[in-house]
Amino acid sequence: MTNLMPDRYREVSLTTVDHELSVEAVRRYLIGREVYRRTRFVVMRSAGDAAVAAVTKADERPLFAPVVEVEVLALPEETTWVDAPDVDTSVPSQLARAAREHAPGARCVIVAGRHGHVSFLLDPTPARVRIVDVAPPYPAKLVDQAQAVLDVADDLPPVELVPNVIDLADLAGTHRTDSYLFPCRGSGLALGAHTAYLDERPPDEDWVLVGCARSREIHHWFYHRDAPSVEMCPRLLATTDRAAMGTATLTRCCLLEEERYDRTAGFAVVPWGASLSLIRTALSDLISDGGIHGTTAD
């Protein structure tokens, strides 16, 4: 029953009553009452309280049919009503985020969201996916892209992203020098020391390269020598955090040049310029692998 929610908000009927919302009262009210043929769930409100029930109709074919069976899914003491007009209630990850932000600990969260649509999430237990990326620029692009995917993915179960963003300035600080070379100016990164950018092919000097295997290849091509370097590949950095190993992880690597991704159980790597559709596929497969579950990010 974890992450139970309607497939579509039109499966939810909302009604207001003037009596208590006990199991007996909810069943007494609904049994024999006609409901629309699309209705699978009824959200009931009474004096600020709310409850949720699943209903079975005598016949699915007529426009309206009487209810013959009621299963009370959540009572007022375990249910929280949330008004969140920015939430698309058809998107599981948006519902899960609303539950986490507005009703942590509630077993059932009913959300009145965008366009006035009402839906609910019962026993929210989103899959947690760690996103390992480097920045600047901020926001970290892969985190931004993954969140954009989940904000519209109405066919994926609830997912909670756990960003693990590594600051390039902090990485550079592990190797003090008077001159740094970064892969590109697009990062917007400038340090107190002299800073140059590999994509501009600057005149050779005695610097420390903050880069990855591809950056080192390009550096050798340009200058016919190797330079001392600090590793910044998110794929490699993701594997050094042993405390997070076992958590479903999405990261990226510029050595992947085609629109494809590498995957082992619980670990997916997309190209540096991955499309949203590829990121969506990687997230879907990570969930299928059985991402670590939890209600809050560490």
C-alpha atoms as a PDB file:
ATOM      1  CA  MET A   1       0.000   0.000   0.000  1.00  0.00           C
ATOM      2  CA  THR A   2       2.992   2.369   0.037  1.00  0.00           C
ATOM      3  CA  ASN A   3       2.771   5.307  -2.377  1.00  0.00           C
ATOM      4  CA  LEU A   4      -0.882   4.591  -3.128  1.00  0.00           C
ATOM      5  CA  MET A   5      -2.396   7.383  -5.184  1.00  0.00           C
ATOM      6  CA  PRO A   6      -5.044   7.645  -7.898  1.00  0.00           C
ATOM      7  CA  ASP A   7      -3.888   7.106 -11.456  1.00  0.00           C
ATOM      8  CA  ARG A   8      -5.739  10.304 -12.378  1.00  0.00           C
ATOM      9  CA  TYR A   9      -7.325  13.005 -10.228  1.00  0.00           C
ATOM     10  CA  ARG A  10     -10.674  12.337 -11.968  1.00  0.00           C
ATOM     11  CA  GLU A  11     -10.803   9.074 -10.007  1.00  0.00           C
ATOM     12  CA  VAL A  12     -11.255  11.147  -6.827  1.00  0.00           C
ATOM     13  CA  SER A  13     -14.616  12.427  -5.644  1.00  0.00           C
ATOM     14  CA  LEU A  14     -14.681  15.128  -2.962  1.00  0.00           C
ATOM     15  CA  THR A  15     -17.595  15.510  -0.573  1.00  0.00           C
ATOM     16  CA  THR A  16     -18.277  17.516   2.581  1.00  0.00           C
ATOM     17  CA  VAL A  17     -20.380  16.043   5.383  1.00  0.00           C
ATOM     18  CA  ASP A  18     -21.574  17.210   8.800  1.00  0.00           C
ATOM     19  CA  HIS A  19     -20.834  14.089  10.835  1.00  0.00           C
ATOM     20  CA  GLU A  20     -17.798  12.368  12.314  1.00  0.00           C
ATOM     21  CA  LEU A  21     -15.432  10.491  10.035  1.00  0.00           C
ATOM     22  CA  SER A  22     -15.180   7.145  11.785  1.00  0.00           C
ATOM     23  CA  VAL A  23     -14.970   3.908   9.830  1.00  0.00           C
ATOM     24  CA  GLU A  24     -18.627   3.164  10.583  1.00  0.00           C
ATOM     25  CA  ALA A  25     -19.801   6.659   9.654  1.00  0.00           C
ATOM     26  CA  VAL A  26     -17.851   6.705   6.379  1.00  0.00           C
ATOM     27  CA  ARG A  27     -19.199   3.297   5.371  1.00  0.00           C
ATOM     28  CA  ARG A  28     -22.751   4.215   6.354  1.00  0.00           C
ATOM     29  CA  TYR A  29     -22.594   7.385   4.274  1.00  0.00           C
ATOM     30  CA  LEU A  30     -21.157   5.761   1.146  1.00  0.00           C
ATOM     31  CA  ILE A  31     -22.821   2.341   0.922  1.00  0.00           C
ATOM     32  CA  GLY A  32     -25.716   2.584  -1.522  1.00  0.00           C
ATOM     33  CA  ARG A  33     -24.833   6.138  -2.606  1.00  0.00           C
ATOM     34  CA  GLU A  34     -24.451   6.711  -6.347  1.00  0.00           C
ATOM     35  CA  VAL A  35     -21.055   7.799  -7.583  1.00  0.00           C
ATOM     36  CA  TYR A  36     -19.695   8.672 -11.028  1.00  0.00           C
ATOM     37  CA  ARG A  37     -18.379   5.729 -13.037  1.00  0.00           C
ATOM     38  CA  ARG A  38     -14.810   7.101 -12.984  1.00  0.00           C
ATOM     39  CA  THR A  39     -14.787   7.382  -9.192  1.00  0.00           C
ATOM     40  CA  ARG A  40     -12.519   4.958  -7.353  1.00  0.00           C
ATOM     41  CA  PHE A  41     -11.820   7.012  -4.241  1.00  0.00           C
ATOM     42  CA  VAL A  42     -13.819   9.410  -2.097  1.00  0.00           C
ATOM     43  CA  VAL A  43     -12.214  12.165  -0.035  1.00  0.00           C
ATOM     44  CA  MET A  44     -14.535  13.240   2.759  1.00  0.00           C
ATOM     45  CA  ARG A  45     -14.239  16.439   4.772  1.00  0.00           C
ATOM     46  CA  SER A  46     -16.011  17.356   7.993  1.00  0.00           C
ATOM     47  CA  ALA A  47     -15.295  20.375  10.197  1.00  0.00           C
ATOM     48  CA  GLY A  48     -11.635  20.525   9.182  1.00  0.00           C
ATOM     49  CA  ASP A  49     -11.100  16.763   9.347  1.00  0.00           C
ATOM     50  CA  ALA A  50     -10.556  14.552   6.309  1.00  0.00           C
ATOM     51  CA  ALA A  51     -10.704  10.854   5.469  1.00  0.00           C
ATOM     52  CA  VAL A  52     -10.135   8.766   2.357  1.00  0.00           C
ATOM     53  CA  ALA A  53     -12.035   5.690   1.200  1.00  0.00           C
ATOM     54  CA  ALA A  54     -11.834   3.360  -1.796  1.00  0.00           C
ATOM     55  CA  VAL A  55     -15.209   2.403  -3.285  1.00  0.00           C
ATOM     56  CA  THR A  56     -16.479  -0.457  -5.411  1.00  0.00           C
ATOM     57  CA  LYS A  57     -19.559   0.118  -7.562  1.00  0.00           C
ATOM     58  CA  ALA A  58     -22.307  -2.339  -8.423  1.00  0.00           C
ATOM     59  CA  ASP A  59     -21.655  -1.778 -12.132  1.00  0.00           C
ATOM     60  CA  GLU A  60     -18.863   0.115 -13.916  1.00  0.00           C
ATOM     61  CA  ARG A  61     -20.866   0.758 -17.096  1.00  0.00           C
ATOM     62  CA  PRO A  62     -23.626   3.259 -16.164  1.00  0.00           C
ATOM     63  CA  LEU A  63     -22.802   6.947 -15.784  1.00  0.00           C
ATOM     64  CA  PHE A  64     -23.609   6.614 -12.065  1.00  0.00           C
ATOM     65  CA  ALA A  65     -23.901   3.470  -9.976  1.00  0.00           C
ATOM     66  CA  PRO A  66     -24.411   2.720  -6.268  1.00  0.00           C
ATOM     67  CA  VAL A  67     -21.485   1.878  -4.019  1.00  0.00           C
ATOM     68  CA  VAL A  68     -21.553  -1.728  -2.776  1.00  0.00           C
ATOM     69  CA  GLU A  69     -18.221  -1.929  -0.973  1.00  0.00           C
ATOM     70  CA  VAL A  70     -16.117   0.584   0.974  1.00  0.00           C
ATOM     71  CA  GLU A  71     -12.537   0.308   2.221  1.00  0.00           C
ATOM     72  CA  VAL A  72     -11.551   3.133   4.546  1.00  0.00           C
ATOM     73  CA  LEU A  73      -7.930   3.926   3.698  1.00  0.00           C
ATOM     74  CA  ALA A  74      -7.189   6.754   6.119  1.00  0.00           C
ATOM     75  CA  LEU A  75      -8.962   8.408   9.037  1.00  0.00           C
ATOM     76  CA  PRO A  76      -8.594  12.014  10.292  1.00  0.00           C
ATOM     77  CA  GLU A  77      -5.938  11.257  12.901  1.00  0.00           C
ATOM     78  CA  GLU A  78      -3.554  10.004  10.188  1.00  0.00           C
ATOM     79  CA  THR A  79      -4.557  12.405   7.424  1.00  0.00           C
ATOM     80  CA  THR A  80      -3.433  15.949   6.588  1.00  0.00           C
ATOM     81  CA  TRP A  81      -5.067  18.291   4.103  1.00  0.00           C
ATOM     82  CA  VAL A  82      -2.616  20.518   2.205  1.00  0.00           C
ATOM     83  CA  ASP A  83      -3.488  23.514   0.034  1.00  0.00           C
ATOM     84  CA  ALA A  84      -0.688  23.735  -2.528  1.00  0.00           C
ATOM     85  CA  PRO A  85      -1.840  25.519  -5.699  1.00  0.00           C
ATOM     86  CA  ASP A  86       1.602  25.106  -7.306  1.00  0.00           C
ATOM     87  CA  VAL A  87       1.469  21.281  -7.157  1.00  0.00           C
ATOM     88  CA  ASP A  88       0.325  19.219 -10.133  1.00  0.00           C
ATOM     89  CA  THR A  89      -1.585  16.471  -8.333  1.00  0.00           C
ATOM     90  CA  SER A  90      -1.218  14.073 -11.275  1.00  0.00           C
ATOM     91  CA  VAL A  91       2.573  13.869 -10.799  1.00  0.00           C
ATOM     92  CA  PRO A  92       3.662  11.433  -8.049  1.00  0.00           C
ATOM     93  CA  SER A  93       6.966  13.146  -7.255  1.00  0.00           C
ATOM     94  CA  GLN A  94       5.210  16.481  -6.841  1.00  0.00           C
ATOM     95  CA  LEU A  95       2.726  14.900  -4.428  1.00  0.00           C
ATOM     96  CA  ALA A  96       5.586  13.303  -2.497  1.00  0.00           C
ATOM     97  CA  ARG A  97       7.407  16.633  -2.270  1.00  0.00           C
ATOM     98  CA  ALA A  98       4.253  18.332  -0.977  1.00  0.00           C
ATOM     99  CA  ALA A  99       3.888  15.594   1.638  1.00  0.00           C
ATOM    100  CA  ARG A 100       7.522  15.950   2.725  1.00  0.00           C
ATOM    101  CA  GLU A 101       7.435  19.741   2.908  1.00  0.00           C
ATOM    102  CA  HIS A 102       3.956  20.335   4.338  1.00  0.00           C
ATOM    103  CA  ALA A 103       3.006  17.186   6.245  1.00  0.00           C
ATOM    104  CA  PRO A 104       6.075  15.192   7.299  1.00  0.00           C
ATOM    105  CA  GLY A 105       5.048  12.103   9.213  1.00  0.00           C
ATOM    106  CA  ALA A 106       1.448  12.054   7.998  1.00  0.00           C
ATOM    107  CA  ARG A 107       0.357   8.654   6.739  1.00  0.00           C
ATOM    108  CA  CYS A 108      -2.041  10.159   4.213  1.00  0.00           C
ATOM    109  CA  VAL A 109      -1.638  13.554   2.576  1.00  0.00           C
ATOM    110  CA  ILE A 110      -4.499  15.065   0.585  1.00  0.00           C
ATOM    111  CA  VAL A 111      -3.387  17.856  -1.730  1.00  0.00           C
ATOM    112  CA  ALA A 112      -5.606  20.515  -3.255  1.00  0.00           C
ATOM    113  CA  GLY A 113      -3.337  21.558  -6.076  1.00  0.00           C
ATOM    114  CA  ARG A 114      -3.085  23.279  -9.430  1.00  0.00           C
ATOM    115  CA  HIS A 115      -6.343  23.969 -11.279  1.00  0.00           C
ATOM    116  CA  GLY A 116      -8.230  23.053  -8.101  1.00  0.00           C
ATOM    117  CA  HIS A 117      -7.607  19.336  -8.587  1.00  0.00           C
ATOM    118  CA  VAL A 118      -7.570  17.167  -5.465  1.00  0.00           C
ATOM    119  CA  SER A 119      -5.610  13.942  -5.024  1.00  0.00           C
ATOM    120  CA  PHE A 120      -3.844  12.085  -2.233  1.00  0.00           C
ATOM    121  CA  LEU A 121      -0.766  10.016  -1.416  1.00  0.00           C
ATOM    122  CA  LEU A 122      -1.077   7.199   1.103  1.00  0.00           C
ATOM    123  CA  ASP A 123       1.981   5.976   2.990  1.00  0.00           C
ATOM    124  CA  PRO A 124       4.449   8.172   1.051  1.00  0.00           C
ATOM    125  CA  THR A 125       7.732   6.310   0.644  1.00  0.00           C
ATOM    126  CA  PRO A 126       9.512   7.820  -2.359  1.00  0.00           C
ATOM    127  CA  ALA A 127      12.497   6.118  -3.936  1.00  0.00           C
ATOM    128  CA  ARG A 128      15.607   8.126  -3.100  1.00  0.00           C
ATOM    129  CA  VAL A 129      18.071   8.782  -5.901  1.00  0.00           C
ATOM    130  CA  ARG A 130      21.411  10.443  -5.194  1.00  0.00           C
ATOM    131  CA  ILE A 131      22.529  12.896  -7.892  1.00  0.00           C
ATOM    132  CA  VAL A 132      26.283  13.426  -7.970  1.00  0.00           C
ATOM    133  CA  ASP A 133      27.451  16.462  -9.942  1.00  0.00           C
ATOM    134  CA  VAL A 134      29.960  19.311  -9.837  1.00  0.00           C
ATOM    135  CA  ALA A 135      29.360  23.052  -9.794  1.00  0.00           C
ATOM    136  CA  PRO A 136      29.531  25.922 -10.604  1.00  0.00           C
ATOM    137  CA  PRO A 137      27.607  26.813 -12.599  1.00  0.00           C
ATOM    138  CA  TYR A 138      24.697  26.675 -10.162  1.00  0.00           C
ATOM    139  CA  PRO A 139      22.219  25.106 -10.044  1.00  0.00           C
ATOM    140  CA  ALA A 140      24.129  21.928 -10.818  1.00  0.00           C
ATOM    141  CA  LYS A 141      22.892  20.966 -14.269  1.00  0.00           C
ATOM    142  CA  LEU A 142      22.198  17.272 -13.692  1.00  0.00           C
ATOM    143  CA  VAL A 143      20.241  18.006 -10.510  1.00  0.00           C
ATOM    144  CA  ASP A 144      18.280  20.648 -12.404  1.00  0.00           C
ATOM    145  CA  GLN A 145      17.562  18.291 -15.295  1.00  0.00           C
ATOM    146  CA  ALA A 146      16.526  15.374 -13.078  1.00  0.00           C
ATOM    147  CA  GLN A 147      14.146  17.606 -11.129  1.00  0.00           C
ATOM    148  CA  ALA A 148      12.663  18.931 -14.383  1.00  0.00           C
ATOM    149  CA  VAL A 149      11.997  15.341 -15.465  1.00  0.00           C
ATOM    150  CA  LEU A 150      10.328  14.391 -12.179  1.00  0.00           C
ATOM    151  CA  ASP A 151       8.177  17.527 -12.191  1.00  0.00           C
ATOM    152  CA  VAL A 152       6.299  16.211 -15.246  1.00  0.00           C
ATOM    153  CA  ALA A 153       6.745  12.426 -14.957  1.00  0.00           C
ATOM    154  CA  ASP A 154       3.178  11.347 -14.237  1.00  0.00           C
ATOM    155  CA  ASP A 155       4.009   7.712 -15.047  1.00  0.00           C
ATOM    156  CA  LEU A 156       6.914   7.266 -12.619  1.00  0.00           C
ATOM    157  CA  PRO A 157       6.480   6.442  -8.922  1.00  0.00           C
ATOM    158  CA  PRO A 158       7.412   9.096  -6.366  1.00  0.00           C
ATOM    159  CA  VAL A 159      11.110   9.945  -6.327  1.00  0.00           C
ATOM    160  CA  GLU A 160      13.060  12.129  -3.910  1.00  0.00           C
ATOM    161  CA  LEU A 161      16.324  13.509  -5.243  1.00  0.00           C
ATOM    162  CA  VAL A 162      19.273  13.642  -2.857  1.00  0.00           C
ATOM    163  CA  PRO A 163      21.740  16.123  -4.413  1.00  0.00           C
ATOM    164  CA  ASN A 164      25.422  15.560  -3.773  1.00  0.00           C
ATOM    165  CA  VAL A 165      26.991  18.608  -5.441  1.00  0.00           C
ATOM    166  CA  ILE A 166      30.764  18.981  -5.238  1.00  0.00           C
ATOM    167  CA  ASP A 167      32.087  22.522  -5.447  1.00  0.00           C
ATOM    168  CA  LEU A 168      34.940  22.930  -7.922  1.00  0.00           C
ATOM    169  CA  ALA A 169      36.536  25.621  -5.788  1.00  0.00           C
ATOM    170  CA  ASP A 170      36.723  23.171  -2.891  1.00  0.00           C
ATOM    171  CA  LEU A 171      38.271  20.580  -5.176  1.00  0.00           C
ATOM    172  CA  ALA A 172      40.841  23.082  -6.423  1.00  0.00           C
ATOM    173  CA  GLY A 173      41.673  23.969  -2.821  1.00  0.00           C
ATOM    174  CA  THR A 174      42.980  20.459  -2.234  1.00  0.00           C
ATOM    175  CA  HIS A 175      45.994  21.347  -4.411  1.00  0.00           C
ATOM    176  CA  ARG A 176      47.223  24.871  -3.660  1.00  0.00           C
ATOM    177  CA  THR A 177      48.962  26.682  -6.507  1.00  0.00           C
ATOM    178  CA  ASP A 178      49.373  30.130  -8.035  1.00  0.00           C
ATOM    179  CA  SER A 179      47.672  29.113 -11.293  1.00  0.00           C
ATOM    180  CA  TYR A 180      44.673  26.887 -12.111  1.00  0.00           C
ATOM    181  CA  LEU A 181      43.374  25.566 -15.396  1.00  0.00           C
ATOM    182  CA  PHE A 182      39.681  24.625 -15.641  1.00  0.00           C
ATOM    183  CA  PRO A 183      37.998  22.873 -18.575  1.00  0.00           C
ATOM    184  CA  CYS A 184      35.898  25.860 -19.668  1.00  0.00           C
ATOM    185  CA  ARG A 185      34.936  29.416 -18.804  1.00  0.00           C
ATOM    186  CA  GLY A 186      31.277  28.334 -18.787  1.00  0.00           C
ATOM    187  CA  SER A 187      31.622  27.310 -15.171  1.00  0.00           C
ATOM    188  CA  GLY A 188      32.006  30.975 -14.240  1.00  0.00           C
ATOM    189  CA  LEU A 189      34.602  29.916 -11.715  1.00  0.00           C
ATOM    190  CA  ALA A 190      37.357  32.365 -10.789  1.00  0.00           C
ATOM    191  CA  LEU A 191      39.690  31.902  -7.846  1.00  0.00           C
ATOM    192  CA  GLY A 192      42.061  34.235  -6.054  1.00  0.00           C
ATOM    193  CA  ALA A 193      44.898  32.578  -7.954  1.00  0.00           C
ATOM    194  CA  HIS A 194      45.410  33.074 -11.679  1.00  0.00           C
ATOM    195  CA  THR A 195      42.685  31.146 -13.528  1.00  0.00           C
ATOM    196  CA  ALA A 196      42.748  29.959 -17.147  1.00  0.00           C
ATOM    197  CA  TYR A 197      40.323  27.881 -19.213  1.00  0.00           C
ATOM    198  CA  LEU A 198      41.290  24.948 -21.399  1.00  0.00           C
ATOM    199  CA  ASP A 199      38.586  25.598 -24.024  1.00  0.00           C
ATOM    200  CA  GLU A 200      40.302  28.951 -24.780  1.00  0.00           C
ATOM    201  CA  ARG A 201      43.643  27.201 -25.418  1.00  0.00           C
ATOM    202  CA  PRO A 202      45.673  29.693 -23.371  1.00  0.00           C
ATOM    203  CA  PRO A 203      49.490  29.952 -23.604  1.00  0.00           C
ATOM    204  CA  ASP A 204      51.136  27.132 -21.707  1.00  0.00           C
ATOM    205  CA  GLU A 205      52.215  27.827 -18.147  1.00  0.00           C
ATOM    206  CA  ASP A 206      52.888  26.039 -14.878  1.00  0.00           C
ATOM    207  CA  TRP A 207      49.357  25.360 -13.634  1.00  0.00           C
ATOM    208  CA  VAL A 208      47.255  22.708 -11.915  1.00  0.00           C
ATOM    209  CA  LEU A 209      44.526  21.267 -14.110  1.00  0.00           C
ATOM    210  CA  VAL A 210      41.176  20.783 -12.372  1.00  0.00           C
ATOM    211  CA  GLY A 211      39.657  18.352 -14.819  1.00  0.00           C
ATOM    212  CA  CYS A 212      38.926  14.776 -15.854  1.00  0.00           C
ATOM    213  CA  ALA A 213      40.389  12.148 -18.193  1.00  0.00           C
ATOM    214  CA  ARG A 214      39.102  13.980 -21.263  1.00  0.00           C
ATOM    215  CA  SER A 215      40.521  17.288 -20.023  1.00  0.00           C
ATOM    216  CA  ARG A 216      43.885  15.624 -19.524  1.00  0.00           C
ATOM    217  CA  GLU A 217      43.728  14.202 -23.065  1.00  0.00           C
ATOM    218  CA  ILE A 218      42.964  17.646 -24.497  1.00  0.00           C
ATOM    219  CA  HIS A 219      45.713  19.233 -22.406  1.00  0.00           C
ATOM    220  CA  HIS A 220      48.227  16.719 -23.724  1.00  0.00           C
ATOM    221  CA  TRP A 221      47.041  17.360 -27.297  1.00  0.00           C
ATOM    222  CA  PHE A 222      47.436  21.122 -26.907  1.00  0.00           C
ATOM    223  CA  TYR A 223      50.697  21.259 -24.956  1.00  0.00           C
ATOM    224  CA  HIS A 224      52.369  17.880 -25.574  1.00  0.00           C
ATOM    225  CA  ARG A 225      52.852  17.347 -21.879  1.00  0.00           C
ATOM    226  CA  ASP A 226      50.918  16.306 -18.780  1.00  0.00           C
ATOM    227  CA  ALA A 227      50.075  18.657 -15.945  1.00  0.00           C
ATOM    228  CA  PRO A 228      49.499  17.996 -12.258  1.00  0.00           C
ATOM    229  CA  SER A 229      45.757  17.634 -11.861  1.00  0.00           C
ATOM    230  CA  VAL A 230      42.825  17.407  -9.491  1.00  0.00           C
ATOM    231  CA  GLU A 231      40.139  14.890 -10.473  1.00  0.00           C
ATOM    232  CA  MET A 232      36.684  16.417 -11.043  1.00  0.00           C
ATOM    233  CA  CYS A 233      34.832  13.620 -12.872  1.00  0.00           C
ATOM    234  CA  PRO A 234      31.474  13.155 -11.101  1.00  0.00           C
ATOM    235  CA  ARG A 235      31.465   9.474 -12.040  1.00  0.00           C
ATOM    236  CA  LEU A 236      34.722   8.851 -10.179  1.00  0.00           C
ATOM    237  CA  LEU A 237      33.853  11.169  -7.295  1.00  0.00           C
ATOM    238  CA  ALA A 238      30.556   9.307  -6.830  1.00  0.00           C
ATOM    239  CA  THR A 239      32.390   6.050  -6.201  1.00  0.00           C
ATOM    240  CA  THR A 240      34.663   7.497  -3.510  1.00  0.00           C
ATOM    241  CA  ASP A 241      31.817   8.318  -1.104  1.00  0.00           C
ATOM    242  CA  ARG A 242      31.582   4.962   0.630  1.00  0.00           C
ATOM    243  CA  ALA A 243      28.986   6.245   3.098  1.00  0.00           C
ATOM    244  CA  ALA A 244      26.552   6.679   0.200  1.00  0.00           C
ATOM    245  CA  MET A 245      27.319   3.427  -1.582  1.00  0.00           C
ATOM    246  CA  GLY A 246      24.194   1.303  -1.864  1.00  0.00           C
ATOM    247  CA  THR A 247      22.026   4.329  -2.571  1.00  0.00           C
ATOM    248  CA  ALA A 248      20.665   4.517  -6.107  1.00  0.00           C
ATOM    249  CA  THR A 249      22.933   7.028  -7.859  1.00  0.00           C
ATOM    250  CA  LEU A 250      22.749   9.062 -11.057  1.00  0.00           C
ATOM    251  CA  THR A 251      25.801  10.951 -12.270  1.00  0.00           C
ATOM    252  CA  ARG A 252      27.493  11.979 -15.523  1.00  0.00           C
ATOM    253  CA  CYS A 253      30.759  11.610 -17.426  1.00  0.00           C
ATOM    254  CA  CYS A 254      32.060  13.333 -20.579  1.00  0.00           C
ATOM    255  CA  LEU A 255      33.737  10.142 -21.824  1.00  0.00           C
ATOM    256  CA  LEU A 256      30.291   8.972 -22.883  1.00  0.00           C
ATOM    257  CA  GLU A 257      29.924  10.677 -26.244  1.00  0.00           C
ATOM    258  CA  GLU A 258      26.733   9.099 -27.616  1.00  0.00           C
ATOM    259  CA  GLU A 259      23.134   9.464 -26.448  1.00  0.00           C
ATOM    260  CA  ARG A 260      23.347   6.389 -24.241  1.00  0.00           C
ATOM    261  CA  TYR A 261      24.160   5.686 -20.641  1.00  0.00           C
ATOM    262  CA  ASP A 262      26.095   3.162 -18.580  1.00  0.00           C
ATOM    263  CA  ARG A 263      24.313   1.275 -15.865  1.00  0.00           C
ATOM    264  CA  THR A 264      25.109  -1.239 -13.201  1.00  0.00           C
ATOM    265  CA  ALA A 265      22.730  -2.194 -10.398  1.00  0.00           C
ATOM    266  CA  GLY A 266      21.787   1.028  -8.630  1.00  0.00           C
ATOM    267  CA  PHE A 267      24.306   3.187 -10.518  1.00  0.00           C
ATOM    268  CA  ALA A 268      23.676   5.067 -13.782  1.00  0.00           C
ATOM    269  CA  VAL A 269      25.987   7.402 -15.703  1.00  0.00           C
ATOM    270  CA  VAL A 270      24.729   9.694 -18.461  1.00  0.00           C
ATOM    271  CA  PRO A 271      26.776  11.792 -20.921  1.00  0.00           C
ATOM    272  CA  TRP A 272      27.714  15.357 -20.062  1.00  0.00           C
ATOM    273  CA  GLY A 273      25.145  16.717 -22.512  1.00  0.00           C
ATOM    274  CA  ALA A 274      22.420  14.139 -21.846  1.00  0.00           C
ATOM    275  CA  SER A 275      18.896  14.845 -23.049  1.00  0.00           C
ATOM    276  CA  LEU A 276      15.962  14.948 -20.650  1.00  0.00           C
ATOM    277  CA  SER A 277      14.557  11.815 -22.274  1.00  0.00           C
ATOM    278  CA  LEU A 278      17.760   9.875 -21.562  1.00  0.00           C
ATOM    279  CA  ILE A 279      17.831  11.114 -17.964  1.00  0.00           C
ATOM    280  CA  ARG A 280      14.218   9.999 -17.582  1.00  0.00           C
ATOM    281  CA  THR A 281      15.122   6.516 -18.851  1.00  0.00           C
ATOM    282  CA  ALA A 282      18.052   6.319 -16.437  1.00  0.00           C
ATOM    283  CA  LEU A 283      15.861   7.378 -13.502  1.00  0.00           C
ATOM    284  CA  SER A 284      13.224   4.836 -14.451  1.00  0.00           C
ATOM    285  CA  ASP A 285      15.801   2.046 -14.553  1.00  0.00           C
ATOM    286  CA  LEU A 286      17.288   3.099 -11.228  1.00  0.00           C
ATOM    287  CA  ILE A 287      13.842   2.879  -9.653  1.00  0.00           C
ATOM    288  CA  SER A 288      13.418  -0.578 -11.189  1.00  0.00           C
ATOM    289  CA  ASP A 289      16.735  -1.559  -9.586  1.00  0.00           C
ATOM    290  CA  GLY A 290      15.158  -0.796  -6.222  1.00  0.00           C
ATOM    291  CA  GLY A 291      16.405   2.628  -5.084  1.00  0.00           C
ATOM    292  CA  ILE A 292      16.895   3.189  -1.377  1.00  0.00           C
ATOM    293  CA  HIS A 293      13.621   4.355   0.176  1.00  0.00           C
ATOM    294  CA  GLY A 294      13.077   6.920   2.889  1.00  0.00           C
ATOM    295  CA  THR A 295      10.902   9.887   3.707  1.00  0.00           C
ATOM    296  CA  THR A 296      13.582  12.522   4.115  1.00  0.00           C
ATOM    297  CA  ALA A 297      16.948  13.360   2.642  1.00  0.00           C
ATOM    298  CA  ASP A 298      19.986  13.245   4.863  1.00  0.00           C
END
